Amino acid sequence: MAFAGILNDADITAALQACQAADSFEYKSFFAKVGLSAKTPDDIKKAFAVIDQDKSGFIEEDELKLFLQNFSASARALTDAETKAFLKAGDADGDGMIGVDGEEFDHENVSGKRL
């Protein structure tokens, strides 16, 4: 699994089950359930590297739509509304992407302290 050593498989399964229905994904709740909100900044950067499929240093909208599939290949894609809400919440500088550096995909956002 791509998140081996970062996240617990049981937590991932539980988090994915909680958002199986379309339009049920809520990023703060998902990060908490999967255990990412309690991780170190270094672990959060490792998780970002898994989600950043093209290794550009940014999570673009097309990568964000498939966010759940990074945790399980059989997971659903996010709906357009979920994707746009997630992107809006994480895109601090308005460039249409979530970056690993700065204030976008960092410990404060993932832990829910800033968003």
PDB file of N, CA and C in Angstrom:
ATOM      1  N   MET A   1       0.835  -1.192   0.000  1.00  0.00           N
ATOM      2  CA  MET A   1       0.000   0.000   0.000  1.00  0.00           C
ATOM      3  C   MET A   1       0.873   1.247   0.000  1.00  0.00           C
ATOM      4  N   ALA A   2       0.464   2.273  -0.702  1.00  0.00           N
ATOM      5  CA  ALA A   2       1.241   3.490  -0.855  1.00  0.00           C
ATOM      6  C   ALA A   2       1.447   4.237   0.458  1.00  0.00           C
ATOM      7  N   PHE A   3       0.540   4.067   1.401  1.00  0.00           N
ATOM      8  CA  PHE A   3       0.642   4.786   2.666  1.00  0.00           C
ATOM      9  C   PHE A   3       1.232   3.934   3.781  1.00  0.00           C
ATOM     10  N   ALA A   4       1.805   2.786   3.439  1.00  0.00           N
ATOM     11  CA  ALA A   4       2.419   1.905   4.439  1.00  0.00           C
ATOM     12  C   ALA A   4       3.484   2.676   5.207  1.00  0.00           C
ATOM     13  N   GLY A   5       3.460   2.540   6.507  1.00  0.00           N
ATOM     14  CA  GLY A   5       4.400   3.258   7.349  1.00  0.00           C
ATOM     15  C   GLY A   5       3.976   4.670   7.683  1.00  0.00           C
ATOM     16  N   ILE A   6       2.941   5.159   7.015  1.00  0.00           N
ATOM     17  CA  ILE A   6       2.437   6.507   7.289  1.00  0.00           C
ATOM     18  C   ILE A   6       1.082   6.418   7.977  1.00  0.00           C
ATOM     19  N   LEU A   7       0.173   5.616   7.393  1.00  0.00           N
ATOM     20  CA  LEU A   7      -1.186   5.494   7.905  1.00  0.00           C
ATOM     21  C   LEU A   7      -1.536   4.046   8.181  1.00  0.00           C
ATOM     22  N   ASN A   8      -2.468   3.831   9.063  1.00  0.00           N
ATOM     23  CA  ASN A   8      -2.932   2.507   9.447  1.00  0.00           C
ATOM     24  C   ASN A   8      -4.008   2.023   8.466  1.00  0.00           C
ATOM     25  N   ASP A   9      -3.895   0.791   7.998  1.00  0.00           N
ATOM     26  CA  ASP A   9      -4.861   0.242   7.038  1.00  0.00           C
ATOM     27  C   ASP A   9      -6.295   0.268   7.562  1.00  0.00           C
ATOM     28  N   ALA A  10      -6.486  -0.054   8.836  1.00  0.00           N
ATOM     29  CA  ALA A  10      -7.834  -0.061   9.412  1.00  0.00           C
ATOM     30  C   ALA A  10      -8.430   1.342   9.426  1.00  0.00           C
ATOM     31  N   ASP A  11      -7.613   2.350   9.715  1.00  0.00           N
ATOM     32  CA  ASP A  11      -8.090   3.735   9.701  1.00  0.00           C
ATOM     33  C   ASP A  11      -8.480   4.159   8.289  1.00  0.00           C
ATOM     34  N   ILE A  12      -7.680   3.749   7.314  1.00  0.00           N
ATOM     35  CA  ILE A  12      -7.987   4.070   5.921  1.00  0.00           C
ATOM     36  C   ILE A  12      -9.314   3.446   5.515  1.00  0.00           C
ATOM     37  N   THR A  13      -9.495   2.174   5.838  1.00  0.00           N
ATOM     38  CA  THR A  13     -10.738   1.477   5.504  1.00  0.00           C
ATOM     39  C   THR A  13     -11.938   2.171   6.133  1.00  0.00           C
ATOM     40  N   ALA A  14     -11.828   2.520   7.402  1.00  0.00           N
ATOM     41  CA  ALA A  14     -12.937   3.184   8.099  1.00  0.00           C
ATOM     42  C   ALA A  14     -13.240   4.552   7.483  1.00  0.00           C
ATOM     43  N   ALA A  15     -12.204   5.300   7.156  1.00  0.00           N
ATOM     44  CA  ALA A  15     -12.404   6.624   6.565  1.00  0.00           C
ATOM     45  C   ALA A  15     -13.071   6.525   5.197  1.00  0.00           C
ATOM     46  N   LEU A  16     -12.659   5.552   4.399  1.00  0.00           N
ATOM     47  CA  LEU A  16     -13.264   5.367   3.074  1.00  0.00           C
ATOM     48  C   LEU A  16     -14.716   4.914   3.184  1.00  0.00           C
ATOM     49  N   GLN A  17     -15.008   4.058   4.135  1.00  0.00           N
ATOM     50  CA  GLN A  17     -16.388   3.600   4.317  1.00  0.00           C
ATOM     51  C   GLN A  17     -17.302   4.756   4.718  1.00  0.00           C
ATOM     52  N   ALA A  18     -16.767   5.705   5.450  1.00  0.00           N
ATOM     53  CA  ALA A  18     -17.567   6.836   5.919  1.00  0.00           C
ATOM     54  C   ALA A  18     -17.952   7.805   4.802  1.00  0.00           C
ATOM     55  N   CYS A  19     -17.283   7.690   3.658  1.00  0.00           N
ATOM     56  CA  CYS A  19     -17.602   8.621   2.564  1.00  0.00           C
ATOM     57  C   CYS A  19     -17.866   7.884   1.254  1.00  0.00           C
ATOM     58  N   GLN A  20     -18.476   6.721   1.347  1.00  0.00           N
ATOM     59  CA  GLN A  20     -18.789   5.937   0.144  1.00  0.00           C
ATOM     60  C   GLN A  20     -19.845   6.593  -0.730  1.00  0.00           C
ATOM     61  N   ALA A  21     -20.810   7.227  -0.113  1.00  0.00           N
ATOM     62  CA  ALA A  21     -21.901   7.830  -0.883  1.00  0.00           C
ATOM     63  C   ALA A  21     -21.428   9.115  -1.558  1.00  0.00           C
ATOM     64  N   ALA A  22     -21.933   9.365  -2.747  1.00  0.00           N
ATOM     65  CA  ALA A  22     -21.607  10.595  -3.461  1.00  0.00           C
ATOM     66  C   ALA A  22     -21.970  11.801  -2.603  1.00  0.00           C
ATOM     67  N   ASP A  23     -21.142  12.804  -2.644  1.00  0.00           N
ATOM     68  CA  ASP A  23     -21.317  14.059  -1.906  1.00  0.00           C
ATOM     69  C   ASP A  23     -21.276  13.899  -0.390  1.00  0.00           C
ATOM     70  N   SER A  24     -20.655  12.814   0.086  1.00  0.00           N
ATOM     71  CA  SER A  24     -20.518  12.619   1.532  1.00  0.00           C
ATOM     72  C   SER A  24     -19.093  12.893   2.025  1.00  0.00           C
ATOM     73  N   PHE A  25     -18.170  13.225   1.118  1.00  0.00           N
ATOM     74  CA  PHE A  25     -16.780  13.472   1.493  1.00  0.00           C
ATOM     75  C   PHE A  25     -16.642  14.842   2.131  1.00  0.00           C
ATOM     76  N   GLU A  26     -16.012  14.881   3.291  1.00  0.00           N
ATOM     77  CA  GLU A  26     -15.706  16.122   3.994  1.00  0.00           C
ATOM     78  C   GLU A  26     -14.242  15.998   4.421  1.00  0.00           C
ATOM     79  N   TYR A  27     -13.395  16.806   3.848  1.00  0.00           N
ATOM     80  CA  TYR A  27     -11.956  16.626   3.994  1.00  0.00           C
ATOM     81  C   TYR A  27     -11.476  16.655   5.443  1.00  0.00           C
ATOM     82  N   LYS A  28     -11.995  17.540   6.293  1.00  0.00           N
ATOM     83  CA  LYS A  28     -11.539  17.590   7.684  1.00  0.00           C
ATOM     84  C   LYS A  28     -11.843  16.287   8.409  1.00  0.00           C
ATOM     85  N   SER A  29     -13.039  15.797   8.206  1.00  0.00           N
ATOM     86  CA  SER A  29     -13.436  14.534   8.828  1.00  0.00           C
ATOM     87  C   SER A  29     -12.596  13.384   8.285  1.00  0.00           C
ATOM     88  N   PHE A  30     -12.366  13.369   6.976  1.00  0.00           N
ATOM     89  CA  PHE A  30     -11.575  12.307   6.365  1.00  0.00           C
ATOM     90  C   PHE A  30     -10.154  12.314   6.919  1.00  0.00           C
ATOM     91  N   PHE A  31      -9.520  13.483   6.978  1.00  0.00           N
ATOM     92  CA  PHE A  31      -8.152  13.574   7.498  1.00  0.00           C
ATOM     93  C   PHE A  31      -8.088  13.076   8.938  1.00  0.00           C
ATOM     94  N   ALA A  32      -9.091  13.405   9.734  1.00  0.00           N
ATOM     95  CA  ALA A  32      -9.120  12.950  11.127  1.00  0.00           C
ATOM     96  C   ALA A  32      -9.292  11.437  11.199  1.00  0.00           C
ATOM     97  N   LYS A  33     -10.241  10.895  10.435  1.00  0.00           N
ATOM     98  CA  LYS A  33     -10.520   9.454  10.489  1.00  0.00           C
ATOM     99  C   LYS A  33      -9.361   8.619   9.973  1.00  0.00           C
ATOM    100  N   VAL A  34      -8.702   9.093   8.934  1.00  0.00           N
ATOM    101  CA  VAL A  34      -7.599   8.331   8.359  1.00  0.00           C
ATOM    102  C   VAL A  34      -6.333   8.463   9.225  1.00  0.00           C
ATOM    103  N   GLY A  35      -6.350   9.397  10.151  1.00  0.00           N
ATOM    104  CA  GLY A  35      -5.221   9.576  11.056  1.00  0.00           C
ATOM    105  C   GLY A  35      -4.194  10.576  10.583  1.00  0.00           C
ATOM    106  N   LEU A  36      -4.437  11.222   9.463  1.00  0.00           N
ATOM    107  CA  LEU A  36      -3.461  12.160   8.912  1.00  0.00           C
ATOM    108  C   LEU A  36      -3.370  13.435   9.745  1.00  0.00           C
ATOM    109  N   SER A  37      -4.460  13.842  10.360  1.00  0.00           N
ATOM    110  CA  SER A  37      -4.451  15.093  11.126  1.00  0.00           C
ATOM    111  C   SER A  37      -3.568  15.006  12.367  1.00  0.00           C
ATOM    112  N   ALA A  38      -3.234  13.807  12.805  1.00  0.00           N
ATOM    113  CA  ALA A  38      -2.385  13.627  13.988  1.00  0.00           C
ATOM    114  C   ALA A  38      -0.927  13.345  13.619  1.00  0.00           C
ATOM    115  N   LYS A  39      -0.607  13.386  12.350  1.00  0.00           N
ATOM    116  CA  LYS A  39       0.741  13.043  11.889  1.00  0.00           C
ATOM    117  C   LYS A  39       1.693  14.243  11.948  1.00  0.00           C
ATOM    118  N   THR A  40       2.959  13.935  11.878  1.00  0.00           N
ATOM    119  CA  THR A  40       3.994  14.971  11.885  1.00  0.00           C
ATOM    120  C   THR A  40       4.021  15.682  10.530  1.00  0.00           C
ATOM    121  N   PRO A  41       4.584  16.876  10.492  1.00  0.00           N
ATOM    122  CA  PRO A  41       4.730  17.560   9.204  1.00  0.00           C
ATOM    123  C   PRO A  41       5.479  16.717   8.169  1.00  0.00           C
ATOM    124  N   ASP A  42       6.457  15.941   8.595  1.00  0.00           N
ATOM    125  CA  ASP A  42       7.208  15.089   7.671  1.00  0.00           C
ATOM    126  C   ASP A  42       6.306  13.998   7.083  1.00  0.00           C
ATOM    127  N   ASP A  43       5.471  13.380   7.917  1.00  0.00           N
ATOM    128  CA  ASP A  43       4.546  12.358   7.425  1.00  0.00           C
ATOM    129  C   ASP A  43       3.518  12.959   6.474  1.00  0.00           C
ATOM    130  N   ILE A  44       3.097  14.180   6.750  1.00  0.00           N
ATOM    131  CA  ILE A  44       2.134  14.856   5.874  1.00  0.00           C
ATOM    132  C   ILE A  44       2.765  15.108   4.504  1.00  0.00           C
ATOM    133  N   LYS A  45       4.035  15.477   4.473  1.00  0.00           N
ATOM    134  CA  LYS A  45       4.723  15.656   3.181  1.00  0.00           C
ATOM    135  C   LYS A  45       4.848  14.327   2.442  1.00  0.00           C
ATOM    136  N   LYS A  46       5.074  13.240   3.172  1.00  0.00           N
ATOM    137  CA  LYS A  46       5.135  11.918   2.542  1.00  0.00           C
ATOM    138  C   LYS A  46       3.779  11.561   1.934  1.00  0.00           C
ATOM    139  N   ALA A  47       2.703  11.857   2.647  1.00  0.00           N
ATOM    140  CA  ALA A  47       1.356  11.589   2.124  1.00  0.00           C
ATOM    141  C   ALA A  47       1.095  12.438   0.885  1.00  0.00           C
ATOM    142  N   PHE A  48       1.515  13.699   0.916  1.00  0.00           N
ATOM    143  CA  PHE A  48       1.359  14.578  -0.240  1.00  0.00           C
ATOM    144  C   PHE A  48       2.047  13.966  -1.455  1.00  0.00           C
ATOM    145  N   ALA A  49       3.235  13.422  -1.263  1.00  0.00           N
ATOM    146  CA  ALA A  49       3.993  12.834  -2.369  1.00  0.00           C
ATOM    147  C   ALA A  49       3.241  11.675  -3.011  1.00  0.00           C
ATOM    148  N   VAL A  50       2.468  10.929  -2.225  1.00  0.00           N
ATOM    149  CA  VAL A  50       1.660   9.832  -2.769  1.00  0.00           C
ATOM    150  C   VAL A  50       0.504  10.398  -3.598  1.00  0.00           C
ATOM    151  N   ILE A  51      -0.129  11.438  -3.099  1.00  0.00           N
ATOM    152  CA  ILE A  51      -1.303  12.017  -3.756  1.00  0.00           C
ATOM    153  C   ILE A  51      -0.910  12.797  -5.017  1.00  0.00           C
ATOM    154  N   ASP A  52       0.265  13.406  -5.001  1.00  0.00           N
ATOM    155  CA  ASP A  52       0.774  14.174  -6.141  1.00  0.00           C
ATOM    156  C   ASP A  52       1.274  13.196  -7.210  1.00  0.00           C
ATOM    157  N   GLN A  53       0.352  12.659  -7.973  1.00  0.00           N
ATOM    158  CA  GLN A  53       0.654  11.585  -8.924  1.00  0.00           C
ATOM    159  C   GLN A  53       1.688  11.971  -9.974  1.00  0.00           C
ATOM    160  N   ASP A  54       1.664  13.199 -10.443  1.00  0.00           N
ATOM    161  CA  ASP A  54       2.617  13.589 -11.488  1.00  0.00           C
ATOM    162  C   ASP A  54       3.911  14.190 -10.914  1.00  0.00           C
ATOM    163  N   LYS A  55       4.028  14.201  -9.592  1.00  0.00           N
ATOM    164  CA  LYS A  55       5.231  14.675  -8.883  1.00  0.00           C
ATOM    165  C   LYS A  55       5.613  16.104  -9.255  1.00  0.00           C
ATOM    166  N   SER A  56       4.587  16.942  -9.469  1.00  0.00           N
ATOM    167  CA  SER A  56       4.828  18.332  -9.844  1.00  0.00           C
ATOM    168  C   SER A  56       5.035  19.248  -8.641  1.00  0.00           C
ATOM    169  N   GLY A  57       4.756  18.736  -7.447  1.00  0.00           N
ATOM    170  CA  GLY A  57       4.810  19.578  -6.252  1.00  0.00           C
ATOM    171  C   GLY A  57       3.480  20.231  -5.957  1.00  0.00           C
ATOM    172  N   PHE A  58       2.481  19.894  -6.784  1.00  0.00           N
ATOM    173  CA  PHE A  58       1.135  20.434  -6.621  1.00  0.00           C
ATOM    174  C   PHE A  58       0.112  19.321  -6.826  1.00  0.00           C
ATOM    175  N   ILE A  59      -1.021  19.457  -6.159  1.00  0.00           N
ATOM    176  CA  ILE A  59      -2.151  18.570  -6.425  1.00  0.00           C
ATOM    177  C   ILE A  59      -3.136  19.391  -7.249  1.00  0.00           C
ATOM    178  N   GLU A  60      -3.269  19.009  -8.513  1.00  0.00           N
ATOM    179  CA  GLU A  60      -4.164  19.705  -9.421  1.00  0.00           C
ATOM    180  C   GLU A  60      -5.573  19.117  -9.306  1.00  0.00           C
ATOM    181  N   GLU A  61      -6.532  19.788  -9.915  1.00  0.00           N
ATOM    182  CA  GLU A  61      -7.933  19.378  -9.801  1.00  0.00           C
ATOM    183  C   GLU A  61      -8.164  17.935 -10.247  1.00  0.00           C
ATOM    184  N   ASP A  62      -7.515  17.500 -11.336  1.00  0.00           N
ATOM    185  CA  ASP A  62      -7.723  16.130 -11.802  1.00  0.00           C
ATOM    186  C   ASP A  62      -7.167  15.109 -10.806  1.00  0.00           C
ATOM    187  N   GLU A  63      -6.068  15.440 -10.140  1.00  0.00           N
ATOM    188  CA  GLU A  63      -5.526  14.554  -9.108  1.00  0.00           C
ATOM    189  C   GLU A  63      -6.420  14.562  -7.872  1.00  0.00           C
ATOM    190  N   LEU A  64      -6.971  15.714  -7.553  1.00  0.00           N
ATOM    191  CA  LEU A  64      -7.838  15.841  -6.387  1.00  0.00           C
ATOM    192  C   LEU A  64      -9.132  15.050  -6.573  1.00  0.00           C
ATOM    193  N   LYS A  65      -9.643  15.033  -7.785  1.00  0.00           N
ATOM    194  CA  LYS A  65     -10.870  14.272  -8.072  1.00  0.00           C
ATOM    195  C   LYS A  65     -10.680  12.789  -7.741  1.00  0.00           C
ATOM    196  N   LEU A  66      -9.463  12.290  -7.937  1.00  0.00           N
ATOM    197  CA  LEU A  66      -9.152  10.879  -7.677  1.00  0.00           C
ATOM    198  C   LEU A  66      -8.502  10.687  -6.304  1.00  0.00           C
ATOM    199  N   PHE A  67      -8.631  11.674  -5.435  1.00  0.00           N
ATOM    200  CA  PHE A  67      -8.011  11.677  -4.111  1.00  0.00           C
ATOM    201  C   PHE A  67      -8.236  10.384  -3.343  1.00  0.00           C
ATOM    202  N   LEU A  68      -9.475   9.910  -3.262  1.00  0.00           N
ATOM    203  CA  LEU A  68      -9.790   8.715  -2.476  1.00  0.00           C
ATOM    204  C   LEU A  68      -9.130   7.473  -3.047  1.00  0.00           C
ATOM    205  N   GLN A  69      -8.924   7.437  -4.359  1.00  0.00           N
ATOM    206  CA  GLN A  69      -8.319   6.274  -4.996  1.00  0.00           C
ATOM    207  C   GLN A  69      -6.843   6.126  -4.645  1.00  0.00           C
ATOM    208  N   ASN A  70      -6.240   7.156  -4.090  1.00  0.00           N
ATOM    209  CA  ASN A  70      -4.876   7.032  -3.577  1.00  0.00           C
ATOM    210  C   ASN A  70      -4.842   6.139  -2.342  1.00  0.00           C
ATOM    211  N   PHE A  71      -5.968   6.052  -1.661  1.00  0.00           N
ATOM    212  CA  PHE A  71      -6.065   5.259  -0.443  1.00  0.00           C
ATOM    213  C   PHE A  71      -6.531   3.838  -0.740  1.00  0.00           C
ATOM    214  N   SER A  72      -7.314   3.671  -1.805  1.00  0.00           N
ATOM    215  CA  SER A  72      -7.770   2.359  -2.249  1.00  0.00           C
ATOM    216  C   SER A  72      -8.184   2.471  -3.708  1.00  0.00           C
ATOM    217  N   ALA A  73      -7.660   1.595  -4.535  1.00  0.00           N
ATOM    218  CA  ALA A  73      -7.955   1.637  -5.971  1.00  0.00           C
ATOM    219  C   ALA A  73      -9.444   1.484  -6.253  1.00  0.00           C
ATOM    220  N   SER A  74     -10.168   0.833  -5.347  1.00  0.00           N
ATOM    221  CA  SER A  74     -11.598   0.615  -5.567  1.00  0.00           C
ATOM    222  C   SER A  74     -12.472   1.754  -5.029  1.00  0.00           C
ATOM    223  N   ALA A  75     -11.864   2.767  -4.442  1.00  0.00           N
ATOM    224  CA  ALA A  75     -12.632   3.897  -3.915  1.00  0.00           C
ATOM    225  C   ALA A  75     -13.224   4.709  -5.063  1.00  0.00           C
ATOM    226  N   ARG A  76     -14.259   5.423  -4.752  1.00  0.00           N
ATOM    227  CA  ARG A  76     -14.925   6.246  -5.765  1.00  0.00           C
ATOM    228  C   ARG A  76     -14.147   7.530  -6.037  1.00  0.00           C
ATOM    229  N   ALA A  77     -14.431   8.143  -7.161  1.00  0.00           N
ATOM    230  CA  ALA A  77     -13.898   9.470  -7.453  1.00  0.00           C
ATOM    231  C   ALA A  77     -14.760  10.495  -6.708  1.00  0.00           C
ATOM    232  N   LEU A  78     -14.161  11.603  -6.359  1.00  0.00           N
ATOM    233  CA  LEU A  78     -14.944  12.671  -5.746  1.00  0.00           C
ATOM    234  C   LEU A  78     -15.870  13.268  -6.799  1.00  0.00           C
ATOM    235  N   THR A  79     -17.024  13.747  -6.365  1.00  0.00           N
ATOM    236  CA  THR A  79     -17.923  14.432  -7.285  1.00  0.00           C
ATOM    237  C   THR A  79     -17.299  15.777  -7.646  1.00  0.00           C
ATOM    238  N   ASP A  80     -17.834  16.412  -8.679  1.00  0.00           N
ATOM    239  CA  ASP A  80     -17.330  17.733  -9.062  1.00  0.00           C
ATOM    240  C   ASP A  80     -17.479  18.719  -7.906  1.00  0.00           C
ATOM    241  N   ALA A  81     -18.611  18.669  -7.208  1.00  0.00           N
ATOM    242  CA  ALA A  81     -18.848  19.585  -6.093  1.00  0.00           C
ATOM    243  C   ALA A  81     -17.856  19.334  -4.954  1.00  0.00           C
ATOM    244  N   GLU A  82     -17.600  18.077  -4.635  1.00  0.00           N
ATOM    245  CA  GLU A  82     -16.632  17.745  -3.579  1.00  0.00           C
ATOM    246  C   GLU A  82     -15.231  18.202  -3.970  1.00  0.00           C
ATOM    247  N   THR A  83     -14.868  17.962  -5.227  1.00  0.00           N
ATOM    248  CA  THR A  83     -13.545  18.340  -5.718  1.00  0.00           C
ATOM    249  C   THR A  83     -13.359  19.843  -5.630  1.00  0.00           C
ATOM    250  N   LYS A  84     -14.343  20.595  -6.086  1.00  0.00           N
ATOM    251  CA  LYS A  84     -14.234  22.054  -6.072  1.00  0.00           C
ATOM    252  C   LYS A  84     -14.182  22.602  -4.651  1.00  0.00           C
ATOM    253  N   ALA A  85     -14.974  22.036  -3.735  1.00  0.00           N
ATOM    254  CA  ALA A  85     -14.956  22.482  -2.341  1.00  0.00           C
ATOM    255  C   ALA A  85     -13.610  22.184  -1.690  1.00  0.00           C
ATOM    256  N   PHE A  86     -13.061  21.010  -1.953  1.00  0.00           N
ATOM    257  CA  PHE A  86     -11.772  20.599  -1.411  1.00  0.00           C
ATOM    258  C   PHE A  86     -10.674  21.510  -1.952  1.00  0.00           C
ATOM    259  N   LEU A  87     -10.698  21.768  -3.250  1.00  0.00           N
ATOM    260  CA  LEU A  87      -9.702  22.633  -3.873  1.00  0.00           C
ATOM    261  C   LEU A  87      -9.792  24.053  -3.319  1.00  0.00           C
ATOM    262  N   LYS A  88     -10.996  24.556  -3.200  1.00  0.00           N
ATOM    263  CA  LYS A  88     -11.194  25.916  -2.681  1.00  0.00           C
ATOM    264  C   LYS A  88     -10.641  26.035  -1.259  1.00  0.00           C
ATOM    265  N   ALA A  89     -10.866  25.020  -0.449  1.00  0.00           N
ATOM    266  CA  ALA A  89     -10.397  25.049   0.936  1.00  0.00           C
ATOM    267  C   ALA A  89      -8.876  24.981   1.037  1.00  0.00           C
ATOM    268  N   GLY A  90      -8.250  24.243   0.137  1.00  0.00           N
ATOM    269  CA  GLY A  90      -6.813  24.041   0.227  1.00  0.00           C
ATOM    270  C   GLY A  90      -5.954  24.972  -0.597  1.00  0.00           C
ATOM    271  N   ASP A  91      -6.559  25.696  -1.521  1.00  0.00           N
ATOM    272  CA  ASP A  91      -5.798  26.549  -2.443  1.00  0.00           C
ATOM    273  C   ASP A  91      -5.696  27.963  -1.874  1.00  0.00           C
ATOM    274  N   ALA A  92      -4.697  28.192  -1.040  1.00  0.00           N
ATOM    275  CA  ALA A  92      -4.549  29.471  -0.350  1.00  0.00           C
ATOM    276  C   ALA A  92      -4.195  30.624  -1.280  1.00  0.00           C
ATOM    277  N   ASP A  93      -3.457  30.353  -2.353  1.00  0.00           N
ATOM    278  CA  ASP A  93      -3.007  31.449  -3.211  1.00  0.00           C
ATOM    279  C   ASP A  93      -3.835  31.633  -4.482  1.00  0.00           C
ATOM    280  N   GLY A  94      -4.881  30.810  -4.656  1.00  0.00           N
ATOM    281  CA  GLY A  94      -5.795  30.988  -5.777  1.00  0.00           C
ATOM    282  C   GLY A  94      -5.254  30.577  -7.128  1.00  0.00           C
ATOM    283  N   ASP A  95      -4.202  29.724  -7.156  1.00  0.00           N
ATOM    284  CA  ASP A  95      -3.641  29.310  -8.443  1.00  0.00           C
ATOM    285  C   ASP A  95      -4.306  28.070  -9.028  1.00  0.00           C
ATOM    286  N   GLY A  96      -5.330  27.544  -8.342  1.00  0.00           N
ATOM    287  CA  GLY A  96      -6.043  26.377  -8.848  1.00  0.00           C
ATOM    288  C   GLY A  96      -5.378  25.058  -8.512  1.00  0.00           C
ATOM    289  N   MET A  97      -4.397  25.091  -7.603  1.00  0.00           N
ATOM    290  CA  MET A  97      -3.665  23.891  -7.198  1.00  0.00           C
ATOM    291  C   MET A  97      -3.372  23.966  -5.702  1.00  0.00           C
ATOM    292  N   ILE A  98      -3.126  22.800  -5.113  1.00  0.00           N
ATOM    293  CA  ILE A  98      -2.727  22.743  -3.710  1.00  0.00           C
ATOM    294  C   ILE A  98      -1.253  22.364  -3.683  1.00  0.00           C
ATOM    295  N   GLY A  99      -0.433  23.246  -3.137  1.00  0.00           N
ATOM    296  CA  GLY A  99       1.004  23.019  -3.101  1.00  0.00           C
ATOM    297  C   GLY A  99       1.457  22.390  -1.795  1.00  0.00           C
ATOM    298  N   VAL A 100       2.601  21.726  -1.849  1.00  0.00           N
ATOM    299  CA  VAL A 100       3.173  21.098  -0.658  1.00  0.00           C
ATOM    300  C   VAL A 100       3.891  22.126   0.209  1.00  0.00           C
ATOM    301  N   ASP A 101       4.442  23.140  -0.405  1.00  0.00           N
ATOM    302  CA  ASP A 101       5.163  24.161   0.345  1.00  0.00           C
ATOM    303  C   ASP A 101       4.240  25.328   0.674  1.00  0.00           C
ATOM    304  N   GLY A 102       4.564  26.031   1.718  1.00  0.00           N
ATOM    305  CA  GLY A 102       3.753  27.176   2.112  1.00  0.00           C
ATOM    306  C   GLY A 102       2.611  26.751   3.001  1.00  0.00           C
ATOM    307  N   GLU A 103       1.454  27.324   2.785  1.00  0.00           N
ATOM    308  CA  GLU A 103       0.323  27.136   3.692  1.00  0.00           C
ATOM    309  C   GLU A 103      -0.809  26.311   3.094  1.00  0.00           C
ATOM    310  N   GLU A 104      -0.542  25.494   2.115  1.00  0.00           N
ATOM    311  CA  GLU A 104      -1.654  24.790   1.493  1.00  0.00           C
ATOM    312  C   GLU A 104      -1.810  23.369   2.027  1.00  0.00           C
ATOM    313  N   PHE A 105      -0.899  22.463   1.767  1.00  0.00           N
ATOM    314  CA  PHE A 105      -1.006  21.095   2.272  1.00  0.00           C
ATOM    315  C   PHE A 105       0.022  20.942   3.386  1.00  0.00           C
ATOM    316  N   ASP A 106      -0.272  21.544   4.514  1.00  0.00           N
ATOM    317  CA  ASP A 106       0.654  21.493   5.630  1.00  0.00           C
ATOM    318  C   ASP A 106      -0.056  20.992   6.882  1.00  0.00           C
ATOM    319  N   HIS A 107       0.666  20.911   7.961  1.00  0.00           N
ATOM    320  CA  HIS A 107       0.122  20.362   9.202  1.00  0.00           C
ATOM    321  C   HIS A 107      -1.086  21.154   9.694  1.00  0.00           C
ATOM    322  N   GLU A 108      -1.037  22.466   9.576  1.00  0.00           N
ATOM    323  CA  GLU A 108      -2.155  23.297  10.062  1.00  0.00           C
ATOM    324  C   GLU A 108      -3.438  23.023   9.276  1.00  0.00           C
ATOM    325  N   ASN A 109      -3.341  22.868   7.978  1.00  0.00           N
ATOM    326  CA  ASN A 109      -4.525  22.592   7.170  1.00  0.00           C
ATOM    327  C   ASN A 109      -5.026  21.172   7.373  1.00  0.00           C
ATOM    328  N   VAL A 110      -4.125  20.207   7.333  1.00  0.00           N
ATOM    329  CA  VAL A 110      -4.518  18.818   7.445  1.00  0.00           C
ATOM    330  C   VAL A 110      -5.104  18.527   8.832  1.00  0.00           C
ATOM    331  N   SER A 111      -4.595  19.192   9.856  1.00  0.00           N
ATOM    332  CA  SER A 111      -5.110  18.974  11.206  1.00  0.00           C
ATOM    333  C   SER A 111      -6.408  19.751  11.438  1.00  0.00           C
ATOM    334  N   GLY A 112      -6.797  20.591  10.491  1.00  0.00           N
ATOM    335  CA  GLY A 112      -8.042  21.337  10.618  1.00  0.00           C
ATOM    336  C   GLY A 112      -7.906  22.619  11.420  1.00  0.00           C
ATOM    337  N   LYS A 113      -6.703  22.987  11.777  1.00  0.00           N
ATOM    338  CA  LYS A 113      -6.505  24.183  12.577  1.00  0.00           C
ATOM    339  C   LYS A 113      -6.657  25.464  11.773  1.00  0.00           C
ATOM    340  N   ARG A 114      -6.343  25.396  10.486  1.00  0.00           N
ATOM    341  CA  ARG A 114      -6.436  26.611   9.674  1.00  0.00           C
ATOM    342  C   ARG A 114      -7.703  26.631   8.827  1.00  0.00           C
ATOM    343  N   LEU A 115      -8.080  25.505   8.251  1.00  0.00           N
ATOM    344  CA  LEU A 115      -9.247  25.475   7.365  1.00  0.00           C
ATOM    345  C   LEU A 115     -10.537  25.395   8.132  1.00  0.00           C
TER     346      LEU A 115
END
